[in-house]
Each structure stands twice: as structure tokens, then as C-alpha cells.
Amino acid sequence: MTVRVGKPAPEFQTRAYAQGEIKSVALADYKGKWVLLYFYPGDFTFV
């Protein structure tokens, strides 16, 4: 599957830091809301 700008993101679930704690979140949790997906793989690494 190819992700493209301006197209819907594929459904996914992951662990994330949100509202002061690490918890499981899914894209479906935000259905009907604006969402910004921002990834930076260097976080919490020694790179």
C-alpha cells in the first residue's frame, strides 16, 4: 500500500505518548476529527 499526500491514511493502531501517559491509540479513535500524523524515527534513540 502506498501512502499519498491528500489521501486517507490506512487504519493502524500503535502505542503513543498522549495526554501525559503511554497508551494504545488507533486512527479510528479520531474519526471525524482533524489529525496530524508526524513521525520522526530518531526520537528515544542514540542516533
N, C-alpha and C. Protein backbone atom coordinates (compact mmCIF):
# COMPACT_ATOMS: atom_id res chain seq x y z
N MET A 1 0.85 -1.17 0.00
CA MET A 1 0.00 0.00 0.00
C MET A 1 0.89 1.24 0.00
N THR A 2 0.58 2.19 -0.83
CA THR A 2 1.34 3.43 -0.91
C THR A 2 0.55 4.54 -0.22
N VAL A 3 1.23 5.28 0.65
CA VAL A 3 0.62 6.42 1.32
C VAL A 3 0.87 7.65 0.47
N ARG A 4 -0.16 8.45 0.26
CA ARG A 4 -0.03 9.64 -0.60
C ARG A 4 -0.62 10.86 0.09
N VAL A 5 -0.01 12.00 -0.15
CA VAL A 5 -0.48 13.26 0.40
C VAL A 5 -1.89 13.54 -0.13
N GLY A 6 -2.79 13.91 0.76
CA GLY A 6 -4.15 14.24 0.37
C GLY A 6 -5.09 13.06 0.32
N LYS A 7 -4.60 11.86 0.55
CA LYS A 7 -5.43 10.66 0.55
C LYS A 7 -5.62 10.17 1.97
N PRO A 8 -6.68 9.42 2.24
CA PRO A 8 -6.89 8.90 3.60
C PRO A 8 -5.74 7.98 4.04
N ALA A 9 -5.36 8.07 5.29
CA ALA A 9 -4.32 7.21 5.85
C ALA A 9 -4.90 5.82 6.09
N PRO A 10 -4.08 4.78 5.95
CA PRO A 10 -4.57 3.44 6.26
C PRO A 10 -4.82 3.30 7.77
N GLU A 11 -5.76 2.47 8.14
CA GLU A 11 -6.06 2.25 9.56
C GLU A 11 -4.85 1.62 10.24
N PHE A 12 -4.55 2.07 11.45
CA PHE A 12 -3.45 1.48 12.22
C PHE A 12 -3.71 1.68 13.70
N GLN A 13 -2.99 0.90 14.50
CA GLN A 13 -3.03 1.03 15.96
C GLN A 13 -1.59 0.94 16.45
N THR A 14 -1.23 1.76 17.44
CA THR A 14 0.13 1.79 17.96
C THR A 14 0.12 2.30 19.39
N ARG A 15 1.27 2.25 20.03
CA ARG A 15 1.43 2.83 21.37
C ARG A 15 2.01 4.22 21.18
N ALA A 16 1.51 5.16 21.97
CA ALA A 16 1.94 6.55 21.81
C ALA A 16 1.90 7.27 23.15
N TYR A 17 2.67 8.34 23.24
CA TYR A 17 2.63 9.22 24.41
C TYR A 17 1.52 10.23 24.14
N ALA A 18 0.47 10.17 24.93
CA ALA A 18 -0.67 11.06 24.73
C ALA A 18 -1.27 11.42 26.08
N GLN A 19 -1.53 12.69 26.27
CA GLN A 19 -2.15 13.19 27.49
C GLN A 19 -1.40 12.77 28.75
N GLY A 20 -0.07 12.81 28.69
CA GLY A 20 0.77 12.56 29.85
C GLY A 20 1.07 11.11 30.16
N GLU A 21 0.67 10.19 29.29
CA GLU A 21 0.96 8.77 29.53
C GLU A 21 1.14 8.02 28.22
N ILE A 22 1.74 6.85 28.31
CA ILE A 22 1.89 6.00 27.14
C ILE A 22 0.68 5.08 27.08
N LYS A 23 -0.03 5.11 25.95
CA LYS A 23 -1.23 4.29 25.82
C LYS A 23 -1.41 3.84 24.38
N SER A 24 -2.32 2.92 24.18
CA SER A 24 -2.62 2.42 22.84
C SER A 24 -3.58 3.39 22.16
N VAL A 25 -3.27 3.78 20.95
CA VAL A 25 -4.13 4.65 20.17
C VAL A 25 -4.33 4.06 18.78
N ALA A 26 -5.46 4.34 18.19
CA ALA A 26 -5.77 3.89 16.84
C ALA A 26 -6.27 5.09 16.04
N LEU A 27 -6.05 5.06 14.76
CA LEU A 27 -6.53 6.14 13.91
C LEU A 27 -8.06 6.26 14.03
N ALA A 28 -8.74 5.15 14.19
CA ALA A 28 -10.20 5.16 14.32
C ALA A 28 -10.68 5.95 15.55
N ASP A 29 -9.82 6.09 16.57
CA ASP A 29 -10.18 6.86 17.77
C ASP A 29 -10.45 8.32 17.44
N TYR A 30 -9.94 8.77 16.31
CA TYR A 30 -10.03 10.19 15.94
C TYR A 30 -10.93 10.42 14.73
N LYS A 31 -11.77 9.44 14.40
CA LYS A 31 -12.65 9.56 13.24
C LYS A 31 -13.53 10.80 13.39
N GLY A 32 -13.59 11.59 12.32
CA GLY A 32 -14.38 12.82 12.31
C GLY A 32 -13.66 14.03 12.87
N LYS A 33 -12.38 13.85 13.27
CA LYS A 33 -11.59 14.95 13.80
C LYS A 33 -10.38 15.20 12.90
N TRP A 34 -9.84 16.39 12.98
CA TRP A 34 -8.60 16.69 12.26
C TRP A 34 -7.45 16.00 12.97
N VAL A 35 -6.56 15.36 12.20
CA VAL A 35 -5.42 14.64 12.78
C VAL A 35 -4.18 14.97 11.98
N LEU A 36 -3.09 15.26 12.68
CA LEU A 36 -1.80 15.46 12.06
C LEU A 36 -0.92 14.29 12.45
N LEU A 37 -0.46 13.52 11.47
CA LEU A 37 0.44 12.39 11.73
C LEU A 37 1.86 12.88 11.49
N TYR A 38 2.67 12.80 12.53
CA TYR A 38 4.04 13.31 12.47
C TYR A 38 4.96 12.23 13.00
N PHE A 39 5.90 11.80 12.17
CA PHE A 39 6.82 10.73 12.55
C PHE A 39 8.25 11.24 12.50
N TYR A 40 9.01 10.95 13.52
CA TYR A 40 10.44 11.24 13.50
C TYR A 40 11.14 10.07 14.17
N PRO A 41 11.74 9.19 13.38
CA PRO A 41 12.28 7.92 13.89
C PRO A 41 13.47 8.06 14.83
N GLY A 42 14.09 9.21 14.92
CA GLY A 42 15.26 9.36 15.78
C GLY A 42 14.95 9.57 17.25
N ASP A 43 13.67 9.75 17.60
CA ASP A 43 13.31 10.02 18.99
C ASP A 43 13.58 8.78 19.87
N PHE A 44 14.10 9.03 21.05
CA PHE A 44 14.39 8.00 22.04
C PHE A 44 15.42 6.96 21.54
N THR A 45 16.31 7.41 20.67
CA THR A 45 17.39 6.53 20.19
C THR A 45 18.72 7.23 20.44
N PHE A 46 19.79 6.52 20.21
CA PHE A 46 21.12 7.11 20.39
C PHE A 46 21.70 7.63 19.08
N VAL A 47 20.87 7.79 18.07
CA VAL A 47 21.32 8.28 16.75
C VAL A 47 21.57 9.76 16.83
